[in-house]
């Protein structure tokens, strides 16, 4: 019993270390969300830091509402990509622990 508990603790410590390393890697990994057929591109890290916003000059006209809507759509697209990338990266780390499926990582 003690050997099983010790092995489980070592496995948990290894997973914690791997999760920390993955988190650091994700904080520097960039994804780009697009909207308006690519007229607006928003680049953010998987740590949710917006790095760049590129707007096609054709959108800088008088239609402020449309520009705002396209910016929101690009931001939301980038967020979905961040969540997907993060989930993919962390899903493999918990595989050896036998955690239930659908558990969102990191905790």
PDB file of N, CA and C in Angstrom:
ATOM      1  N   UNK A   1       0.828  -1.201   0.000  1.00  0.00           N
ATOM      2  CA  UNK A   1       0.000   0.000   0.000  1.00  0.00           C
ATOM      3  C   UNK A   1       0.872   1.265   0.000  1.00  0.00           C
ATOM      4  N   UNK A   2       1.932   1.265   0.862  1.00  0.00           N
ATOM      5  CA  UNK A   2       2.811   2.433   0.918  1.00  0.00           C
ATOM      6  C   UNK A   2       3.530   2.636  -0.414  1.00  0.00           C
ATOM      7  N   UNK A   3       3.913   1.539  -1.055  1.00  0.00           N
ATOM      8  CA  UNK A   3       4.610   1.646  -2.343  1.00  0.00           C
ATOM      9  C   UNK A   3       3.687   2.266  -3.387  1.00  0.00           C
ATOM     10  N   UNK A   4       2.403   1.875  -3.378  1.00  0.00           N
ATOM     11  CA  UNK A   4       1.446   2.440  -4.320  1.00  0.00           C
ATOM     12  C   UNK A   4       1.254   3.931  -4.088  1.00  0.00           C
ATOM     13  N   UNK A   5       1.172   4.319  -2.819  1.00  0.00           N
ATOM     14  CA  UNK A   5       0.997   5.727  -2.476  1.00  0.00           C
ATOM     15  C   UNK A   5       2.229   6.532  -2.867  1.00  0.00           C
ATOM     16  N   UNK A   6       3.403   5.969  -2.623  1.00  0.00           N
ATOM     17  CA  UNK A   6       4.646   6.648  -3.002  1.00  0.00           C
ATOM     18  C   UNK A   6       4.747   6.829  -4.506  1.00  0.00           C
ATOM     19  N   UNK A   7       4.372   5.798  -5.251  1.00  0.00           N
ATOM     20  CA  UNK A   7       4.413   5.891  -6.713  1.00  0.00           C
ATOM     21  C   UNK A   7       3.420   6.926  -7.218  1.00  0.00           C
ATOM     22  N   UNK A   8       2.253   6.951  -6.597  1.00  0.00           N
ATOM     23  CA  UNK A   8       1.241   7.931  -6.989  1.00  0.00           C
ATOM     24  C   UNK A   8       1.717   9.351  -6.698  1.00  0.00           C
ATOM     25  N   UNK A   9       2.369   9.538  -5.558  1.00  0.00           N
ATOM     26  CA  UNK A   9       2.890  10.873  -5.210  1.00  0.00           C
ATOM     27  C   UNK A   9       3.975  11.303  -6.203  1.00  0.00           C
ATOM     28  N   UNK A  10       4.860  10.376  -6.575  1.00  0.00           N
ATOM     29  CA  UNK A  10       5.901  10.710  -7.550  1.00  0.00           C
ATOM     30  C   UNK A  10       5.275  11.074  -8.894  1.00  0.00           C
ATOM     31  N   UNK A  11       4.258  10.329  -9.286  1.00  0.00           N
ATOM     32  CA  UNK A  11       3.581  10.591 -10.550  1.00  0.00           C
ATOM     33  C   UNK A  11       2.898  11.958 -10.512  1.00  0.00           C
ATOM     34  N   UNK A  12       2.286  12.293  -9.375  1.00  0.00           N
ATOM     35  CA  UNK A  12       1.622  13.590  -9.232  1.00  0.00           C
ATOM     36  C   UNK A  12       2.637  14.730  -9.280  1.00  0.00           C
ATOM     37  N   UNK A  13       3.793  14.543  -8.642  1.00  0.00           N
ATOM     38  CA  UNK A  13       4.829  15.574  -8.665  1.00  0.00           C
ATOM     39  C   UNK A  13       5.369  15.768 -10.081  1.00  0.00           C
ATOM     40  N   UNK A  14       5.544  14.647 -10.799  1.00  0.00           N
ATOM     41  CA  UNK A  14       6.022  14.738 -12.179  1.00  0.00           C
ATOM     42  C   UNK A  14       5.001  15.487 -13.032  1.00  0.00           C
ATOM     43  N   UNK A  15       3.716  15.157 -12.847  1.00  0.00           N
ATOM     44  CA  UNK A  15       2.671  15.828 -13.616  1.00  0.00           C
ATOM     45  C   UNK A  15       2.627  17.319 -13.288  1.00  0.00           C
ATOM     46  N   UNK A  16       2.798  17.671 -12.025  1.00  0.00           N
ATOM     47  CA  UNK A  16       2.788  19.079 -11.631  1.00  0.00           C
ATOM     48  C   UNK A  16       3.940  19.826 -12.306  1.00  0.00           C
ATOM     49  N   UNK A  17       5.090  19.211 -12.361  1.00  0.00           N
ATOM     50  CA  UNK A  17       6.248  19.825 -13.015  1.00  0.00           C
ATOM     51  C   UNK A  17       5.998  19.996 -14.512  1.00  0.00           C
ATOM     52  N   UNK A  18       5.430  18.954 -15.141  1.00  0.00           N
ATOM     53  CA  UNK A  18       5.128  19.030 -16.566  1.00  0.00           C
ATOM     54  C   UNK A  18       4.063  20.081 -16.852  1.00  0.00           C
ATOM     55  N   UNK A  19       3.084  20.213 -15.969  1.00  0.00           N
ATOM     56  CA  UNK A  19       2.040  21.225 -16.150  1.00  0.00           C
ATOM     57  C   UNK A  19       2.628  22.625 -16.057  1.00  0.00           C
ATOM     58  N   UNK A  20       3.546  22.837 -15.136  1.00  0.00           N
ATOM     59  CA  UNK A  20       4.183  24.147 -15.000  1.00  0.00           C
ATOM     60  C   UNK A  20       4.980  24.477 -16.255  1.00  0.00           C
ATOM     61  N   UNK A  21       5.710  23.485 -16.766  1.00  0.00           N
ATOM     62  CA  UNK A  21       6.485  23.690 -17.989  1.00  0.00           C
ATOM     63  C   UNK A  21       5.552  23.984 -19.163  1.00  0.00           C
ATOM     64  N   UNK A  22       4.451  23.234 -19.269  1.00  0.00           N
ATOM     65  CA  UNK A  22       3.491  23.456 -20.354  1.00  0.00           C
ATOM     66  C   UNK A  22       2.876  24.846 -20.251  1.00  0.00           C
ATOM     67  N   UNK A  23       2.578  25.286 -19.042  1.00  0.00           N
ATOM     68  CA  UNK A  23       1.992  26.617 -18.841  1.00  0.00           C
ATOM     69  C   UNK A  23       2.961  27.700 -19.311  1.00  0.00           C
ATOM     70  N   UNK A  24       4.232  27.540 -18.993  1.00  0.00           N
ATOM     71  CA  UNK A  24       5.231  28.513 -19.434  1.00  0.00           C
ATOM     72  C   UNK A  24       5.338  28.535 -20.953  1.00  0.00           C
ATOM     73  N   UNK A  25       5.293  27.347 -21.574  1.00  0.00           N
ATOM     74  CA  UNK A  25       5.342  27.276 -23.033  1.00  0.00           C
ATOM     75  C   UNK A  25       4.114  27.947 -23.649  1.00  0.00           C
ATOM     76  N   UNK A  26       2.955  27.696 -23.061  1.00  0.00           N
ATOM     77  CA  UNK A  26       1.718  28.280 -23.587  1.00  0.00           C
ATOM     78  C   UNK A  26       1.711  29.799 -23.474  1.00  0.00           C
ATOM     79  N   UNK A  27       2.309  30.331 -22.421  1.00  0.00           N
ATOM     80  CA  UNK A  27       2.329  31.783 -22.246  1.00  0.00           C
ATOM     81  C   UNK A  27       3.081  32.485 -23.369  1.00  0.00           C
ATOM     82  N   UNK A  28       3.974  31.765 -24.050  1.00  0.00           N
ATOM     83  CA  UNK A  28       4.703  32.384 -25.158  1.00  0.00           C
ATOM     84  C   UNK A  28       4.144  31.969 -26.522  1.00  0.00           C
ATOM     85  N   UNK A  29       3.266  30.974 -26.561  1.00  0.00           N
ATOM     86  CA  UNK A  29       2.676  30.517 -27.809  1.00  0.00           C
ATOM     87  C   UNK A  29       1.593  31.491 -28.253  1.00  0.00           C
ATOM     88  N   UNK A  30       1.633  31.893 -29.530  1.00  0.00           N
ATOM     89  CA  UNK A  30       0.670  32.856 -30.058  1.00  0.00           C
ATOM     90  C   UNK A  30      -0.323  32.189 -30.995  1.00  0.00           C
ATOM     91  N   UNK A  31      -1.565  32.663 -30.943  1.00  0.00           N
ATOM     92  CA  UNK A  31      -2.611  32.260 -31.887  1.00  0.00           C
ATOM     93  C   UNK A  31      -3.183  33.536 -32.494  1.00  0.00           C
ATOM     94  N   UNK A  32      -3.787  33.400 -33.674  1.00  0.00           N
ATOM     95  CA  UNK A  32      -4.358  34.565 -34.340  1.00  0.00           C
ATOM     96  C   UNK A  32      -5.825  34.301 -34.640  1.00  0.00           C
ATOM     97  N   UNK A  33      -6.674  35.190 -34.169  1.00  0.00           N
ATOM     98  CA  UNK A  33      -8.094  35.138 -34.489  1.00  0.00           C
ATOM     99  C   UNK A  33      -8.378  36.096 -35.629  1.00  0.00           C
ATOM    100  N   UNK A  34      -9.310  35.692 -36.500  1.00  0.00           N
ATOM    101  CA  UNK A  34      -9.640  36.521 -37.655  1.00  0.00           C
ATOM    102  C   UNK A  34     -11.137  36.719 -37.750  1.00  0.00           C
ATOM    103  N   UNK A  35     -11.516  37.806 -38.371  1.00  0.00           N
ATOM    104  CA  UNK A  35     -12.932  38.083 -38.637  1.00  0.00           C
ATOM    105  C   UNK A  35     -13.016  38.976 -39.865  1.00  0.00           C
ATOM    106  N   UNK A  36     -14.222  39.047 -40.417  1.00  0.00           N
ATOM    107  CA  UNK A  36     -14.432  39.895 -41.595  1.00  0.00           C
ATOM    108  C   UNK A  36     -13.625  39.421 -42.781  1.00  0.00           C
ATOM    109  N   UNK A  37     -13.529  38.112 -42.942  1.00  0.00           N
ATOM    110  CA  UNK A  37     -12.769  37.593 -44.079  1.00  0.00           C
ATOM    111  C   UNK A  37     -11.287  37.925 -44.001  1.00  0.00           C
ATOM    112  N   UNK A  38     -10.760  38.031 -42.790  1.00  0.00           N
ATOM    113  CA  UNK A  38      -9.346  38.333 -42.602  1.00  0.00           C
ATOM    114  C   UNK A  38      -9.041  39.815 -42.556  1.00  0.00           C
ATOM    115  N   UNK A  39     -10.071  40.655 -42.582  1.00  0.00           N
ATOM    116  CA  UNK A  39      -9.842  42.105 -42.551  1.00  0.00           C
ATOM    117  C   UNK A  39      -9.402  42.586 -41.174  1.00  0.00           C
ATOM    118  N   UNK A  40      -9.728  41.792 -40.141  1.00  0.00           N
ATOM    119  CA  UNK A  40      -9.249  42.081 -38.797  1.00  0.00           C
ATOM    120  C   UNK A  40      -8.579  40.828 -38.277  1.00  0.00           C
ATOM    121  N   UNK A  41      -7.356  40.992 -37.801  1.00  0.00           N
ATOM    122  CA  UNK A  41      -6.592  39.877 -37.218  1.00  0.00           C
ATOM    123  C   UNK A  41      -6.118  40.307 -35.842  1.00  0.00           C
ATOM    124  N   UNK A  42      -6.344  39.445 -34.869  1.00  0.00           N
ATOM    125  CA  UNK A  42      -5.942  39.738 -33.494  1.00  0.00           C
ATOM    126  C   UNK A  42      -5.049  38.595 -33.029  1.00  0.00           C
ATOM    127  N   UNK A  43      -3.836  38.923 -32.608  1.00  0.00           N
ATOM    128  CA  UNK A  43      -2.878  37.913 -32.150  1.00  0.00           C
ATOM    129  C   UNK A  43      -2.748  38.014 -30.639  1.00  0.00           C
ATOM    130  N   UNK A  44      -2.906  36.858 -29.977  1.00  0.00           N
ATOM    131  CA  UNK A  44      -2.753  36.823 -28.523  1.00  0.00           C
ATOM    132  C   UNK A  44      -1.994  35.567 -28.129  1.00  0.00           C
ATOM    133  N   UNK A  45      -1.403  35.611 -26.940  1.00  0.00           N
ATOM    134  CA  UNK A  45      -0.717  34.436 -26.426  1.00  0.00           C
ATOM    135  C   UNK A  45      -1.743  33.514 -25.777  1.00  0.00           C
ATOM    136  N   UNK A  46      -1.335  32.283 -25.545  1.00  0.00           N
ATOM    137  CA  UNK A  46      -2.212  31.350 -24.835  1.00  0.00           C
ATOM    138  C   UNK A  46      -2.279  31.681 -23.354  1.00  0.00           C
ATOM    139  N   UNK A  47      -1.580  32.727 -22.948  1.00  0.00           N
ATOM    140  CA  UNK A  47      -1.700  33.283 -21.600  1.00  0.00           C
ATOM    141  C   UNK A  47      -2.677  34.453 -21.582  1.00  0.00           C
ATOM    142  N   UNK A  48      -3.439  34.612 -22.662  1.00  0.00           N
ATOM    143  CA  UNK A  48      -4.487  35.632 -22.816  1.00  0.00           C
ATOM    144  C   UNK A  48      -3.959  37.062 -22.878  1.00  0.00           C
ATOM    145  N   UNK A  49      -2.750  37.248 -23.386  1.00  0.00           N
ATOM    146  CA  UNK A  49      -2.196  38.585 -23.575  1.00  0.00           C
ATOM    147  C   UNK A  49      -2.297  38.953 -25.050  1.00  0.00           C
ATOM    148  N   UNK A  50      -3.005  40.026 -25.358  1.00  0.00           N
ATOM    149  CA  UNK A  50      -3.135  40.475 -26.744  1.00  0.00           C
ATOM    150  C   UNK A  50      -1.820  41.122 -27.153  1.00  0.00           C
ATOM    151  N   UNK A  51      -1.266  40.648 -28.267  1.00  0.00           N
ATOM    152  CA  UNK A  51       0.016  41.161 -28.752  1.00  0.00           C
ATOM    153  C   UNK A  51      -0.152  42.147 -29.904  1.00  0.00           C
ATOM    154  N   UNK A  52      -1.100  41.850 -30.817  1.00  0.00           N
ATOM    155  CA  UNK A  52      -1.264  42.700 -31.994  1.00  0.00           C
ATOM    156  C   UNK A  52      -2.715  42.718 -32.437  1.00  0.00           C
ATOM    157  N   UNK A  53      -3.089  43.838 -33.040  1.00  0.00           N
ATOM    158  CA  UNK A  53      -4.375  43.959 -33.729  1.00  0.00           C
ATOM    159  C   UNK A  53      -4.071  44.582 -35.084  1.00  0.00           C
ATOM    160  N   UNK A  54      -4.432  43.860 -36.152  1.00  0.00           N
ATOM    161  CA  UNK A  54      -4.227  44.361 -37.509  1.00  0.00           C
ATOM    162  C   UNK A  54      -5.597  44.611 -38.132  1.00  0.00           C
ATOM    163  N   UNK A  55      -5.816  45.835 -38.602  1.00  0.00           N
ATOM    164  CA  UNK A  55      -7.100  46.214 -39.193  1.00  0.00           C
ATOM    165  C   UNK A  55      -6.860  46.685 -40.618  1.00  0.00           C
ATOM    166  N   UNK A  56      -7.583  46.090 -41.543  1.00  0.00           N
ATOM    167  CA  UNK A  56      -7.507  46.510 -42.935  1.00  0.00           C
ATOM    168  C   UNK A  56      -7.975  47.965 -43.019  1.00  0.00           C
ATOM    169  N   UNK A  57      -7.228  48.834 -43.681  1.00  0.00           N
ATOM    170  CA  UNK A  57      -7.600  50.246 -43.765  1.00  0.00           C
ATOM    171  C   UNK A  57      -9.005  50.483 -44.325  1.00  0.00           C
ATOM    172  N   UNK A  58      -9.521  49.550 -45.110  1.00  0.00           N
ATOM    173  CA  UNK A  58     -10.867  49.714 -45.676  1.00  0.00           C
ATOM    174  C   UNK A  58     -11.940  49.738 -44.585  1.00  0.00           C
ATOM    175  N   UNK A  59     -11.631  49.187 -43.419  1.00  0.00           N
ATOM    176  CA  UNK A  59     -12.603  49.170 -42.319  1.00  0.00           C
ATOM    177  C   UNK A  59     -12.578  50.444 -41.476  1.00  0.00           C
ATOM    178  N   UNK A  60     -11.673  51.329 -41.763  1.00  0.00           N
ATOM    179  CA  UNK A  60     -11.521  52.533 -40.946  1.00  0.00           C
ATOM    180  C   UNK A  60     -12.396  53.681 -41.411  1.00  0.00           C
ATOM    181  N   UNK A  61     -13.450  53.369 -42.131  1.00  0.00           N
ATOM    182  CA  UNK A  61     -14.368  54.391 -42.628  1.00  0.00           C
ATOM    183  C   UNK A  61     -15.294  54.887 -41.534  1.00  0.00           C
ATOM    184  N   UNK A  62     -16.499  55.209 -41.927  1.00  0.00           N
ATOM    185  CA  UNK A  62     -17.461  55.808 -41.011  1.00  0.00           C
ATOM    186  C   UNK A  62     -18.258  54.803 -40.199  1.00  0.00           C
ATOM    187  N   UNK A  63     -18.206  53.525 -40.529  1.00  0.00           N
ATOM    188  CA  UNK A  63     -19.045  52.522 -39.867  1.00  0.00           C
ATOM    189  C   UNK A  63     -18.367  51.980 -38.604  1.00  0.00           C
ATOM    190  N   UNK A  64     -18.406  52.786 -37.572  1.00  0.00           N
ATOM    191  CA  UNK A  64     -17.778  52.442 -36.297  1.00  0.00           C
ATOM    192  C   UNK A  64     -18.378  51.176 -35.701  1.00  0.00           C
ATOM    193  N   UNK A  65     -19.686  51.000 -35.794  1.00  0.00           N
ATOM    194  CA  UNK A  65     -20.344  49.826 -35.226  1.00  0.00           C
ATOM    195  C   UNK A  65     -19.845  48.535 -35.880  1.00  0.00           C
ATOM    196  N   UNK A  66     -19.694  48.555 -37.205  1.00  0.00           N
ATOM    197  CA  UNK A  66     -19.215  47.362 -37.896  1.00  0.00           C
ATOM    198  C   UNK A  66     -17.786  47.033 -37.464  1.00  0.00           C
ATOM    199  N   UNK A  67     -16.937  48.044 -37.368  1.00  0.00           N
ATOM    200  CA  UNK A  67     -15.556  47.823 -36.946  1.00  0.00           C
ATOM    201  C   UNK A  67     -15.520  47.216 -35.545  1.00  0.00           C
ATOM    202  N   UNK A  68     -16.331  47.734 -34.638  1.00  0.00           N
ATOM    203  CA  UNK A  68     -16.384  47.194 -33.277  1.00  0.00           C
ATOM    204  C   UNK A  68     -16.834  45.738 -33.283  1.00  0.00           C
ATOM    205  N   UNK A  69     -17.850  45.422 -34.094  1.00  0.00           N
ATOM    206  CA  UNK A  69     -18.349  44.049 -34.180  1.00  0.00           C
ATOM    207  C   UNK A  69     -17.286  43.097 -34.716  1.00  0.00           C
ATOM    208  N   UNK A  70     -16.549  43.531 -35.721  1.00  0.00           N
ATOM    209  CA  UNK A  70     -15.512  42.684 -36.311  1.00  0.00           C
ATOM    210  C   UNK A  70     -14.366  42.487 -35.321  1.00  0.00           C
ATOM    211  N   UNK A  71     -14.013  43.522 -34.570  1.00  0.00           N
ATOM    212  CA  UNK A  71     -12.976  43.386 -33.545  1.00  0.00           C
ATOM    213  C   UNK A  71     -13.391  42.377 -32.474  1.00  0.00           C
ATOM    214  N   UNK A  72     -14.634  42.448 -32.037  1.00  0.00           N
ATOM    215  CA  UNK A  72     -15.142  41.507 -31.032  1.00  0.00           C
ATOM    216  C   UNK A  72     -15.096  40.085 -31.591  1.00  0.00           C
ATOM    217  N   UNK A  73     -15.501  39.914 -32.826  1.00  0.00           N
ATOM    218  CA  UNK A  73     -15.497  38.584 -33.438  1.00  0.00           C
ATOM    219  C   UNK A  73     -14.068  38.028 -33.541  1.00  0.00           C
ATOM    220  N   UNK A  74     -13.112  38.869 -33.913  1.00  0.00           N
ATOM    221  CA  UNK A  74     -11.716  38.426 -34.007  1.00  0.00           C
ATOM    222  C   UNK A  74     -11.177  38.053 -32.629  1.00  0.00           C
ATOM    223  N   UNK A  75     -11.518  38.836 -31.629  1.00  0.00           N
ATOM    224  CA  UNK A  75     -11.082  38.549 -30.262  1.00  0.00           C
ATOM    225  C   UNK A  75     -11.659  37.216 -29.790  1.00  0.00           C
ATOM    226  N   UNK A  76     -12.950  37.004 -30.038  1.00  0.00           N
ATOM    227  CA  UNK A  76     -13.587  35.753 -29.620  1.00  0.00           C
ATOM    228  C   UNK A  76     -13.013  34.556 -30.377  1.00  0.00           C
ATOM    229  N   UNK A  77     -12.685  34.731 -31.640  1.00  0.00           N
ATOM    230  CA  UNK A  77     -12.058  33.664 -32.407  1.00  0.00           C
ATOM    231  C   UNK A  77     -10.702  33.308 -31.805  1.00  0.00           C
ATOM    232  N   UNK A  78      -9.920  34.316 -31.441  1.00  0.00           N
ATOM    233  CA  UNK A  78      -8.618  34.070 -30.819  1.00  0.00           C
ATOM    234  C   UNK A  78      -8.784  33.359 -29.479  1.00  0.00           C
ATOM    235  N   UNK A  79      -9.776  33.766 -28.689  1.00  0.00           N
ATOM    236  CA  UNK A  79     -10.011  33.103 -27.399  1.00  0.00           C
ATOM    237  C   UNK A  79     -10.354  31.629 -27.579  1.00  0.00           C
ATOM    238  N   UNK A  80     -11.189  31.314 -28.558  1.00  0.00           N
ATOM    239  CA  UNK A  80     -11.527  29.910 -28.810  1.00  0.00           C
ATOM    240  C   UNK A  80     -10.271  29.117 -29.180  1.00  0.00           C
ATOM    241  N   UNK A  81      -9.404  29.722 -29.970  1.00  0.00           N
ATOM    242  CA  UNK A  81      -8.168  29.041 -30.358  1.00  0.00           C
ATOM    243  C   UNK A  81      -7.245  28.851 -29.155  1.00  0.00           C
ATOM    244  N   UNK A  82      -7.194  29.837 -28.265  1.00  0.00           N
ATOM    245  CA  UNK A  82      -6.391  29.713 -27.050  1.00  0.00           C
ATOM    246  C   UNK A  82      -6.908  28.551 -26.206  1.00  0.00           C
ATOM    247  N   UNK A  83      -8.214  28.504 -25.996  1.00  0.00           N
ATOM    248  CA  UNK A  83      -8.794  27.441 -25.176  1.00  0.00           C
ATOM    249  C   UNK A  83      -8.546  26.066 -25.791  1.00  0.00           C
ATOM    250  N   UNK A  84      -8.697  25.952 -27.087  1.00  0.00           N
ATOM    251  CA  UNK A  84      -8.473  24.682 -27.772  1.00  0.00           C
ATOM    252  C   UNK A  84      -7.014  24.248 -27.663  1.00  0.00           C
ATOM    253  N   UNK A  85      -6.102  25.180 -27.892  1.00  0.00           N
ATOM    254  CA  UNK A  85      -4.672  24.880 -27.810  1.00  0.00           C
ATOM    255  C   UNK A  85      -4.288  24.479 -26.394  1.00  0.00           C
ATOM    256  N   UNK A  86      -4.810  25.194 -25.413  1.00  0.00           N
ATOM    257  CA  UNK A  86      -4.519  24.884 -24.011  1.00  0.00           C
ATOM    258  C   UNK A  86      -5.053  23.509 -23.641  1.00  0.00           C
ATOM    259  N   UNK A  87      -6.272  23.223 -24.029  1.00  0.00           N
ATOM    260  CA  UNK A  87      -6.870  21.929 -23.715  1.00  0.00           C
ATOM    261  C   UNK A  87      -6.080  20.788 -24.357  1.00  0.00           C
ATOM    262  N   UNK A  88      -5.659  20.964 -25.602  1.00  0.00           N
ATOM    263  CA  UNK A  88      -4.859  19.942 -26.276  1.00  0.00           C
ATOM    264  C   UNK A  88      -3.557  19.690 -25.536  1.00  0.00           C
ATOM    265  N   UNK A  89      -2.906  20.763 -25.121  1.00  0.00           N
ATOM    266  CA  UNK A  89      -1.596  20.644 -24.471  1.00  0.00           C
ATOM    267  C   UNK A  89      -1.714  19.939 -23.132  1.00  0.00           C
ATOM    268  N   UNK A  90      -2.735  20.260 -22.355  1.00  0.00           N
ATOM    269  CA  UNK A  90      -2.855  19.688 -21.028  1.00  0.00           C
ATOM    270  C   UNK A  90      -3.528  18.326 -21.013  1.00  0.00           C
ATOM    271  N   UNK A  91      -4.237  17.956 -22.059  1.00  0.00           N
ATOM    272  CA  UNK A  91      -4.957  16.680 -22.051  1.00  0.00           C
ATOM    273  C   UNK A  91      -4.005  15.493 -21.971  1.00  0.00           C
ATOM    274  N   UNK A  92      -2.861  15.576 -22.583  1.00  0.00           N
ATOM    275  CA  UNK A  92      -1.909  14.476 -22.542  1.00  0.00           C
ATOM    276  C   UNK A  92      -1.200  14.327 -21.215  1.00  0.00           C
ATOM    277  N   UNK A  93      -1.138  15.389 -20.434  1.00  0.00           N
ATOM    278  CA  UNK A  93      -0.398  15.336 -19.175  1.00  0.00           C
ATOM    279  C   UNK A  93      -1.094  14.496 -18.114  1.00  0.00           C
ATOM    280  N   UNK A  94      -2.400  14.499 -18.094  1.00  0.00           N
ATOM    281  CA  UNK A  94      -3.136  13.796 -17.048  1.00  0.00           C
ATOM    282  C   UNK A  94      -3.480  12.365 -17.438  1.00  0.00           C
ATOM    283  N   UNK A  95      -3.100  11.950 -18.638  1.00  0.00           N
ATOM    284  CA  UNK A  95      -3.468  10.626 -19.116  1.00  0.00           C
ATOM    285  C   UNK A  95      -3.023   9.501 -18.209  1.00  0.00           C
ATOM    286  N   UNK A  96      -1.850   9.610 -17.602  1.00  0.00           N
ATOM    287  CA  UNK A  96      -1.332   8.548 -16.762  1.00  0.00           C
ATOM    288  C   UNK A  96      -1.955   8.467 -15.389  1.00  0.00           C
ATOM    289  N   UNK A  97      -2.714   9.466 -14.990  1.00  0.00           N
ATOM    290  CA  UNK A  97      -3.305   9.460 -13.650  1.00  0.00           C
ATOM    291  C   UNK A  97      -4.673   8.812 -13.601  1.00  0.00           C
ATOM    292  N   UNK A  98      -5.247   8.539 -14.745  1.00  0.00           N
ATOM    293  CA  UNK A  98      -6.563   7.913 -14.756  1.00  0.00           C
ATOM    294  C   UNK A  98      -7.668   8.846 -14.282  1.00  0.00           C
ATOM    295  N   UNK A  99      -7.561  10.127 -14.590  1.00  0.00           N
ATOM    296  CA  UNK A  99      -8.589  11.082 -14.205  1.00  0.00           C
ATOM    297  C   UNK A  99      -9.796  10.931 -15.117  1.00  0.00           C
ATOM    298  N   UNK A 100     -10.963  11.293 -14.635  1.00  0.00           N
ATOM    299  CA  UNK A 100     -12.160  11.138 -15.462  1.00  0.00           C
ATOM    300  C   UNK A 100     -12.106  12.014 -16.709  1.00  0.00           C
ATOM    301  N   UNK A 101     -12.704  11.522 -17.796  1.00  0.00           N
ATOM    302  CA  UNK A 101     -12.750  12.276 -19.043  1.00  0.00           C
ATOM    303  C   UNK A 101     -13.553  13.549 -18.874  1.00  0.00           C
ATOM    304  N   UNK A 102     -13.225  14.571 -19.635  1.00  0.00           N
ATOM    305  CA  UNK A 102     -13.950  15.822 -19.575  1.00  0.00           C
ATOM    306  C   UNK A 102     -13.478  16.769 -18.480  1.00  0.00           C
ATOM    307  N   UNK A 103     -12.502  16.347 -17.698  1.00  0.00           N
ATOM    308  CA  UNK A 103     -11.975  17.193 -16.639  1.00  0.00           C
ATOM    309  C   UNK A 103     -11.160  18.310 -17.265  1.00  0.00           C
ATOM    310  N   UNK A 104     -11.494  19.549 -16.939  1.00  0.00           N
ATOM    311  CA  UNK A 104     -10.782  20.693 -17.532  1.00  0.00           C
ATOM    312  C   UNK A 104      -9.473  20.919 -16.804  1.00  0.00           C
ATOM    313  N   UNK A 105      -8.396  20.935 -17.565  1.00  0.00           N
ATOM    314  CA  UNK A 105      -7.091  21.235 -17.023  1.00  0.00           C
ATOM    315  C   UNK A 105      -6.596  22.511 -17.676  1.00  0.00           C
ATOM    316  N   UNK A 106      -5.758  23.298 -17.044  1.00  0.00           N
ATOM    317  CA  UNK A 106      -5.279  23.151 -15.671  1.00  0.00           C
ATOM    318  C   UNK A 106      -6.385  23.477 -14.677  1.00  0.00           C
ATOM    319  N   UNK A 107      -6.196  22.982 -13.481  1.00  0.00           N
ATOM    320  CA  UNK A 107      -7.242  23.083 -12.455  1.00  0.00           C
ATOM    321  C   UNK A 107      -7.540  24.497 -12.085  1.00  0.00           C
TER     322      UNK A 107
END
